[in-house]
């Protein structure tokens, strides 16, 4: 069927206290409102099962969650580094590399931009307040559907959103320190922190540091999800 909606694989969040996987409805809503079917994936990294996922899903959404392990970018754990999930790090490592190899669209949010950068050879600030001192509010308090600060867009994202400045919400304590050579920045915070990246040689690989899933009513959020889903239609 020509009009069959794309099927999007969404990386799950992990609850360490309950030892369970879960999903924030905003991720599902953003994908569904853009016309695709969202499906939460398992945290498995076996080549056979993940190979099926790469074949069956039209695109992949990298969600927020625990910190990325510093071991992945060759640094010792700082005291300020938060909880990690090794099984998720392993699953997403396989997923990112396989999806890029298959030229499947990827959209990353919060941890998603951080993990994409690390998986492609970059490094992170383990804790922005102690490693990247700034007067900017990168970890706002609720409600999360209100702007925390603005970002200046460039290149790919500026063309996509049709604006050189956009307001964003913000809830993170890690961020990009060393950018992967395979990625280009396409949004910057006023303090110089990278807030969005894309892969210029891919059909659609885009990641943002803010949380469009918590502000689905914003035009910029709807545009991000819609652009991702549209790219997945062409898979």
C-alpha atoms as a PDB file:
ATOM      1  CA  UNK A   1       0.000   0.000   0.000  1.00  0.00           C
ATOM      2  CA  UNK A   2       1.428   3.357  -1.065  1.00  0.00           C
ATOM      3  CA  UNK A   3      -0.095   5.240   1.858  1.00  0.00           C
ATOM      4  CA  UNK A   4       1.011   2.764   4.518  1.00  0.00           C
ATOM      5  CA  UNK A   5       2.334   4.751   7.487  1.00  0.00           C
ATOM      6  CA  UNK A   6       6.005   4.341   8.410  1.00  0.00           C
ATOM      7  CA  UNK A   7       6.828   2.207  11.439  1.00  0.00           C
ATOM      8  CA  UNK A   8       9.253   3.894  13.826  1.00  0.00           C
ATOM      9  CA  UNK A   9      11.338   1.990  16.346  1.00  0.00           C
ATOM     10  CA  UNK A  10      11.695   3.921  19.605  1.00  0.00           C
ATOM     11  CA  UNK A  11      14.498   3.151  22.066  1.00  0.00           C
ATOM     12  CA  UNK A  12      12.884   2.540  25.469  1.00  0.00           C
ATOM     13  CA  UNK A  13      13.671   4.205  28.757  1.00  0.00           C
ATOM     14  CA  UNK A  14      14.822   2.020  31.656  1.00  0.00           C
ATOM     15  CA  UNK A  15      13.597   2.232  35.257  1.00  0.00           C
ATOM     16  CA  UNK A  16      16.366   0.848  37.479  1.00  0.00           C
ATOM     17  CA  UNK A  17      14.202   0.711  40.614  1.00  0.00           C
ATOM     18  CA  UNK A  18      11.519  -1.395  38.944  1.00  0.00           C
ATOM     19  CA  UNK A  19      13.926  -3.097  36.523  1.00  0.00           C
ATOM     20  CA  UNK A  20      11.489  -2.307  33.748  1.00  0.00           C
ATOM     21  CA  UNK A  21      11.252  -0.606  30.380  1.00  0.00           C
ATOM     22  CA  UNK A  22       8.864   2.283  29.833  1.00  0.00           C
ATOM     23  CA  UNK A  23       8.005   5.054  27.414  1.00  0.00           C
ATOM     24  CA  UNK A  24       7.068   8.700  27.869  1.00  0.00           C
ATOM     25  CA  UNK A  25       3.835   9.267  25.910  1.00  0.00           C
ATOM     26  CA  UNK A  26       5.196  12.444  24.317  1.00  0.00           C
ATOM     27  CA  UNK A  27       7.549  10.430  22.118  1.00  0.00           C
ATOM     28  CA  UNK A  28       4.685   8.246  20.943  1.00  0.00           C
ATOM     29  CA  UNK A  29       2.381  11.229  20.467  1.00  0.00           C
ATOM     30  CA  UNK A  30       4.924  13.191  18.421  1.00  0.00           C
ATOM     31  CA  UNK A  31       5.447  10.263  16.051  1.00  0.00           C
ATOM     32  CA  UNK A  32       1.748   9.383  15.796  1.00  0.00           C
ATOM     33  CA  UNK A  33       0.662  12.975  15.223  1.00  0.00           C
ATOM     34  CA  UNK A  34       3.125  13.133  12.323  1.00  0.00           C
ATOM     35  CA  UNK A  35       1.428  10.122  10.729  1.00  0.00           C
ATOM     36  CA  UNK A  36       3.629   7.164  11.684  1.00  0.00           C
ATOM     37  CA  UNK A  37       3.228   4.129  13.919  1.00  0.00           C
ATOM     38  CA  UNK A  38       5.519   4.248  17.006  1.00  0.00           C
ATOM     39  CA  UNK A  39       6.768   0.943  18.433  1.00  0.00           C
ATOM     40  CA  UNK A  40       8.855   0.602  21.595  1.00  0.00           C
ATOM     41  CA  UNK A  41      11.890  -1.622  21.033  1.00  0.00           C
ATOM     42  CA  UNK A  42      13.542  -4.155  23.379  1.00  0.00           C
ATOM     43  CA  UNK A  43      16.975  -3.579  24.899  1.00  0.00           C
ATOM     44  CA  UNK A  44      18.702  -6.385  23.046  1.00  0.00           C
ATOM     45  CA  UNK A  45      21.869  -6.114  21.006  1.00  0.00           C
ATOM     46  CA  UNK A  46      22.011  -9.510  19.306  1.00  0.00           C
ATOM     47  CA  UNK A  47      22.898  -9.219  15.639  1.00  0.00           C
ATOM     48  CA  UNK A  48      20.018 -11.449  14.498  1.00  0.00           C
ATOM     49  CA  UNK A  49      17.235  -9.611  16.326  1.00  0.00           C
ATOM     50  CA  UNK A  50      18.646  -6.161  15.667  1.00  0.00           C
ATOM     51  CA  UNK A  51      19.120  -7.082  12.031  1.00  0.00           C
ATOM     52  CA  UNK A  52      15.395  -7.777  11.839  1.00  0.00           C
ATOM     53  CA  UNK A  53      14.713  -4.386  13.446  1.00  0.00           C
ATOM     54  CA  UNK A  54      16.873  -2.603  10.882  1.00  0.00           C
ATOM     55  CA  UNK A  55      15.017  -4.392   8.105  1.00  0.00           C
ATOM     56  CA  UNK A  56      11.467  -3.955   9.450  1.00  0.00           C
ATOM     57  CA  UNK A  57      11.513  -0.433  10.902  1.00  0.00           C
ATOM     58  CA  UNK A  58      11.548   2.627   8.641  1.00  0.00           C
ATOM     59  CA  UNK A  59      13.378   4.861  11.108  1.00  0.00           C
ATOM     60  CA  UNK A  60      14.568   5.100  14.697  1.00  0.00           C
ATOM     61  CA  UNK A  61      14.017   7.554  17.541  1.00  0.00           C
ATOM     62  CA  UNK A  62      16.759   7.826  20.177  1.00  0.00           C
ATOM     63  CA  UNK A  63      15.121   9.017  23.395  1.00  0.00           C
ATOM     64  CA  UNK A  64      16.260  10.579  26.672  1.00  0.00           C
ATOM     65  CA  UNK A  65      17.242   8.689  29.805  1.00  0.00           C
ATOM     66  CA  UNK A  66      20.324   7.742  31.817  1.00  0.00           C
ATOM     67  CA  UNK A  67      23.772   9.196  31.226  1.00  0.00           C
ATOM     68  CA  UNK A  68      25.989   7.739  28.521  1.00  0.00           C
ATOM     69  CA  UNK A  69      28.828   5.746  30.075  1.00  0.00           C
ATOM     70  CA  UNK A  70      32.101   7.747  30.024  1.00  0.00           C
ATOM     71  CA  UNK A  71      33.888   4.468  29.287  1.00  0.00           C
ATOM     72  CA  UNK A  72      32.454   4.718  25.785  1.00  0.00           C
ATOM     73  CA  UNK A  73      34.557   7.816  25.097  1.00  0.00           C
ATOM     74  CA  UNK A  74      37.606   6.745  27.064  1.00  0.00           C
ATOM     75  CA  UNK A  75      37.190   8.824  30.215  1.00  0.00           C
ATOM     76  CA  UNK A  76      37.082   7.786  33.887  1.00  0.00           C
ATOM     77  CA  UNK A  77      33.797   8.265  35.733  1.00  0.00           C
ATOM     78  CA  UNK A  78      33.516  11.624  37.439  1.00  0.00           C
ATOM     79  CA  UNK A  79      31.681  11.816  40.746  1.00  0.00           C
ATOM     80  CA  UNK A  80      29.030  13.995  39.098  1.00  0.00           C
ATOM     81  CA  UNK A  81      28.226  11.459  36.374  1.00  0.00           C
ATOM     82  CA  UNK A  82      24.757  10.012  36.859  1.00  0.00           C
ATOM     83  CA  UNK A  83      23.281   6.543  36.546  1.00  0.00           C
ATOM     84  CA  UNK A  84      24.096   4.567  33.405  1.00  0.00           C
ATOM     85  CA  UNK A  85      22.455   1.603  31.688  1.00  0.00           C
ATOM     86  CA  UNK A  86      25.041  -0.677  30.098  1.00  0.00           C
ATOM     87  CA  UNK A  87      22.469  -2.777  28.229  1.00  0.00           C
ATOM     88  CA  UNK A  88      21.018   0.326  26.635  1.00  0.00           C
ATOM     89  CA  UNK A  89      24.454   1.641  25.680  1.00  0.00           C
ATOM     90  CA  UNK A  90      25.207  -1.706  24.014  1.00  0.00           C
ATOM     91  CA  UNK A  91      21.874  -1.825  22.185  1.00  0.00           C
ATOM     92  CA  UNK A  92      22.106   1.739  20.890  1.00  0.00           C
ATOM     93  CA  UNK A  93      25.703   1.276  19.773  1.00  0.00           C
ATOM     94  CA  UNK A  94      24.633  -1.544  17.479  1.00  0.00           C
ATOM     95  CA  UNK A  95      21.466   0.280  16.432  1.00  0.00           C
ATOM     96  CA  UNK A  96      23.129   3.571  15.493  1.00  0.00           C
ATOM     97  CA  UNK A  97      25.874   1.972  13.452  1.00  0.00           C
ATOM     98  CA  UNK A  98      23.524  -0.458  11.683  1.00  0.00           C
ATOM     99  CA  UNK A  99      20.895   2.194  10.961  1.00  0.00           C
ATOM    100  CA  UNK A 100      23.472   4.572   9.487  1.00  0.00           C
ATOM    101  CA  UNK A 101      24.941   1.758   7.409  1.00  0.00           C
ATOM    102  CA  UNK A 102      21.451   0.977   6.074  1.00  0.00           C
ATOM    103  CA  UNK A 103      20.741   4.713   5.555  1.00  0.00           C
ATOM    104  CA  UNK A 104      17.697   4.569   7.833  1.00  0.00           C
ATOM    105  CA  UNK A 105      16.546   7.912   9.303  1.00  0.00           C
ATOM    106  CA  UNK A 106      17.492   8.662  12.906  1.00  0.00           C
ATOM    107  CA  UNK A 107      16.078  11.370  15.176  1.00  0.00           C
ATOM    108  CA  UNK A 108      17.753  11.867  18.561  1.00  0.00           C
ATOM    109  CA  UNK A 109      16.409  13.754  21.574  1.00  0.00           C
ATOM    110  CA  UNK A 110      18.427  14.827  24.668  1.00  0.00           C
ATOM    111  CA  UNK A 111      20.420  11.675  25.514  1.00  0.00           C
ATOM    112  CA  UNK A 112      19.848  10.881  21.839  1.00  0.00           C
ATOM    113  CA  UNK A 113      22.134  13.695  20.658  1.00  0.00           C
ATOM    114  CA  UNK A 114      24.698  12.758  23.293  1.00  0.00           C
ATOM    115  CA  UNK A 115      24.694   9.073  22.405  1.00  0.00           C
ATOM    116  CA  UNK A 116      24.780   9.705  18.662  1.00  0.00           C
ATOM    117  CA  UNK A 117      27.846  11.874  19.150  1.00  0.00           C
ATOM    118  CA  UNK A 118      29.611   9.280  21.324  1.00  0.00           C
ATOM    119  CA  UNK A 119      28.711   6.356  19.042  1.00  0.00           C
ATOM    120  CA  UNK A 120      30.376   8.239  16.197  1.00  0.00           C
ATOM    121  CA  UNK A 121      33.569   9.030  18.097  1.00  0.00           C
ATOM    122  CA  UNK A 122      32.744  12.208  20.046  1.00  0.00           C
ATOM    123  CA  UNK A 123      32.935  12.949  23.771  1.00  0.00           C
ATOM    124  CA  UNK A 124      30.711  14.568  26.401  1.00  0.00           C
ATOM    125  CA  UNK A 125      30.812  16.869  29.376  1.00  0.00           C
ATOM    126  CA  UNK A 126      29.859  14.443  32.129  1.00  0.00           C
ATOM    127  CA  UNK A 127      28.383  17.286  34.148  1.00  0.00           C
ATOM    128  CA  UNK A 128      27.798  20.724  32.650  1.00  0.00           C
ATOM    129  CA  UNK A 129      27.562  22.642  35.975  1.00  0.00           C
ATOM    130  CA  UNK A 130      31.074  21.528  37.017  1.00  0.00           C
ATOM    131  CA  UNK A 131      32.810  21.238  33.624  1.00  0.00           C
ATOM    132  CA  UNK A 132      31.172  23.941  31.505  1.00  0.00           C
ATOM    133  CA  UNK A 133      30.310  26.822  33.747  1.00  0.00           C
ATOM    134  CA  UNK A 134      27.537  28.933  32.315  1.00  0.00           C
ATOM    135  CA  UNK A 135      24.831  31.234  33.531  1.00  0.00           C
ATOM    136  CA  UNK A 136      22.369  29.589  31.144  1.00  0.00           C
ATOM    137  CA  UNK A 137      19.633  27.325  32.493  1.00  0.00           C
ATOM    138  CA  UNK A 138      20.237  23.905  30.921  1.00  0.00           C
ATOM    139  CA  UNK A 139      18.175  21.979  33.470  1.00  0.00           C
ATOM    140  CA  UNK A 140      14.902  23.772  33.990  1.00  0.00           C
ATOM    141  CA  UNK A 141      12.246  22.959  36.564  1.00  0.00           C
ATOM    142  CA  UNK A 142       8.671  21.976  35.569  1.00  0.00           C
ATOM    143  CA  UNK A 143       6.636  22.831  33.619  1.00  0.00           C
ATOM    144  CA  UNK A 144       8.760  21.516  30.752  1.00  0.00           C
ATOM    145  CA  UNK A 145       6.586  22.918  27.977  1.00  0.00           C
ATOM    146  CA  UNK A 146       7.868  26.450  28.586  1.00  0.00           C
ATOM    147  CA  UNK A 147      11.057  27.888  27.043  1.00  0.00           C
ATOM    148  CA  UNK A 148      14.280  27.745  29.072  1.00  0.00           C
ATOM    149  CA  UNK A 149      16.451  29.612  26.568  1.00  0.00           C
ATOM    150  CA  UNK A 150      16.848  30.187  22.850  1.00  0.00           C
ATOM    151  CA  UNK A 151      19.211  28.596  20.329  1.00  0.00           C
ATOM    152  CA  UNK A 152      20.662  29.966  17.119  1.00  0.00           C
ATOM    153  CA  UNK A 153      20.088  27.614  14.217  1.00  0.00           C
ATOM    154  CA  UNK A 154      22.381  27.163  11.226  1.00  0.00           C
ATOM    155  CA  UNK A 155      22.463  25.191   7.997  1.00  0.00           C
ATOM    156  CA  UNK A 156      20.211  22.147   7.899  1.00  0.00           C
ATOM    157  CA  UNK A 157      18.106  23.030  10.947  1.00  0.00           C
ATOM    158  CA  UNK A 158      17.663  26.659   9.932  1.00  0.00           C
ATOM    159  CA  UNK A 159      16.322  25.532   6.572  1.00  0.00           C
ATOM    160  CA  UNK A 160      14.057  22.977   8.228  1.00  0.00           C
ATOM    161  CA  UNK A 161      12.555  25.318  10.834  1.00  0.00           C
ATOM    162  CA  UNK A 162      12.664  28.465   8.718  1.00  0.00           C
ATOM    163  CA  UNK A 163      14.030  30.508  11.627  1.00  0.00           C
ATOM    164  CA  UNK A 164      17.463  31.605  12.777  1.00  0.00           C
ATOM    165  CA  UNK A 165      16.447  31.619  16.467  1.00  0.00           C
ATOM    166  CA  UNK A 166      14.041  29.286  18.287  1.00  0.00           C
ATOM    167  CA  UNK A 167      13.028  28.941  21.911  1.00  0.00           C
ATOM    168  CA  UNK A 168      13.695  25.540  23.498  1.00  0.00           C
ATOM    169  CA  UNK A 169      12.973  23.715  26.726  1.00  0.00           C
ATOM    170  CA  UNK A 170      15.924  22.109  28.469  1.00  0.00           C
ATOM    171  CA  UNK A 171      16.514  19.281  30.954  1.00  0.00           C
ATOM    172  CA  UNK A 172      20.050  17.854  30.826  1.00  0.00           C
ATOM    173  CA  UNK A 173      23.298  17.901  32.780  1.00  0.00           C
ATOM    174  CA  UNK A 174      25.516  16.359  30.088  1.00  0.00           C
ATOM    175  CA  UNK A 175      26.338  17.811  26.680  1.00  0.00           C
ATOM    176  CA  UNK A 176      28.662  17.606  23.702  1.00  0.00           C
ATOM    177  CA  UNK A 177      32.288  18.422  24.529  1.00  0.00           C
ATOM    178  CA  UNK A 178      34.043  17.057  21.449  1.00  0.00           C
ATOM    179  CA  UNK A 179      31.952  16.785  18.292  1.00  0.00           C
ATOM    180  CA  UNK A 180      32.202  13.676  16.130  1.00  0.00           C
ATOM    181  CA  UNK A 181      33.931  14.310  12.809  1.00  0.00           C
ATOM    182  CA  UNK A 182      30.917  12.706  11.122  1.00  0.00           C
ATOM    183  CA  UNK A 183      28.485  15.317  12.471  1.00  0.00           C
ATOM    184  CA  UNK A 184      27.934  19.030  11.930  1.00  0.00           C
ATOM    185  CA  UNK A 185      26.432  21.421  14.489  1.00  0.00           C
ATOM    186  CA  UNK A 186      23.193  23.082  13.431  1.00  0.00           C
ATOM    187  CA  UNK A 187      22.118  24.880  16.622  1.00  0.00           C
ATOM    188  CA  UNK A 188      24.065  26.586  19.398  1.00  0.00           C
ATOM    189  CA  UNK A 189      23.038  27.918  22.801  1.00  0.00           C
ATOM    190  CA  UNK A 190      24.076  31.483  23.712  1.00  0.00           C
ATOM    191  CA  UNK A 191      26.857  30.064  25.927  1.00  0.00           C
ATOM    192  CA  UNK A 192      28.347  28.108  23.017  1.00  0.00           C
ATOM    193  CA  UNK A 193      27.046  24.634  23.898  1.00  0.00           C
ATOM    194  CA  UNK A 194      26.037  22.588  20.840  1.00  0.00           C
ATOM    195  CA  UNK A 195      22.266  22.070  20.877  1.00  0.00           C
ATOM    196  CA  UNK A 196      21.633  20.221  17.596  1.00  0.00           C
ATOM    197  CA  UNK A 197      23.643  18.163  15.113  1.00  0.00           C
ATOM    198  CA  UNK A 198      23.063  16.441  11.800  1.00  0.00           C
ATOM    199  CA  UNK A 199      24.971  14.073   9.554  1.00  0.00           C
ATOM    200  CA  UNK A 200      25.425  15.781   6.185  1.00  0.00           C
ATOM    201  CA  UNK A 201      26.103  12.581   4.250  1.00  0.00           C
ATOM    202  CA  UNK A 202      23.012  10.728   5.511  1.00  0.00           C
ATOM    203  CA  UNK A 203      19.454  10.861   4.218  1.00  0.00           C
ATOM    204  CA  UNK A 204      18.202  12.046   7.627  1.00  0.00           C
ATOM    205  CA  UNK A 205      20.218  11.921  10.845  1.00  0.00           C
ATOM    206  CA  UNK A 206      19.272  14.784  13.162  1.00  0.00           C
ATOM    207  CA  UNK A 207      19.469  15.160  16.935  1.00  0.00           C
ATOM    208  CA  UNK A 208      18.515  17.943  19.330  1.00  0.00           C
ATOM    209  CA  UNK A 209      19.450  18.582  22.950  1.00  0.00           C
ATOM    210  CA  UNK A 210      16.036  19.900  23.952  1.00  0.00           C
ATOM    211  CA  UNK A 211      12.705  18.078  24.406  1.00  0.00           C
ATOM    212  CA  UNK A 212      10.173  18.480  21.572  1.00  0.00           C
ATOM    213  CA  UNK A 213       8.247  15.490  22.976  1.00  0.00           C
ATOM    214  CA  UNK A 214       7.405  17.570  26.065  1.00  0.00           C
ATOM    215  CA  UNK A 215       6.138  20.477  23.956  1.00  0.00           C
ATOM    216  CA  UNK A 216       4.261  18.829  21.091  1.00  0.00           C
ATOM    217  CA  UNK A 217       2.069  21.921  20.793  1.00  0.00           C
ATOM    218  CA  UNK A 218       5.006  24.053  19.598  1.00  0.00           C
ATOM    219  CA  UNK A 219       5.286  24.536  15.864  1.00  0.00           C
ATOM    220  CA  UNK A 220       9.011  23.776  15.976  1.00  0.00           C
ATOM    221  CA  UNK A 221       8.349  20.453  17.737  1.00  0.00           C
ATOM    222  CA  UNK A 222       5.728  19.408  15.192  1.00  0.00           C
ATOM    223  CA  UNK A 223       8.074  20.360  12.360  1.00  0.00           C
ATOM    224  CA  UNK A 224      10.878  18.195  13.769  1.00  0.00           C
ATOM    225  CA  UNK A 225       8.681  15.126  14.135  1.00  0.00           C
ATOM    226  CA  UNK A 226       7.034  15.703  10.749  1.00  0.00           C
ATOM    227  CA  UNK A 227      10.375  16.037   8.945  1.00  0.00           C
ATOM    228  CA  UNK A 228      11.611  12.834  10.557  1.00  0.00           C
ATOM    229  CA  UNK A 229       8.476  10.881   9.654  1.00  0.00           C
ATOM    230  CA  UNK A 230       8.532  12.224   6.101  1.00  0.00           C
ATOM    231  CA  UNK A 231      12.107  10.980   5.709  1.00  0.00           C
ATOM    232  CA  UNK A 232      10.975   7.593   7.015  1.00  0.00           C
ATOM    233  CA  UNK A 233       8.255   7.412   4.350  1.00  0.00           C
ATOM    234  CA  UNK A 234      11.024   7.244   1.773  1.00  0.00           C
ATOM    235  CA  UNK A 235      12.759   4.272   3.423  1.00  0.00           C
END
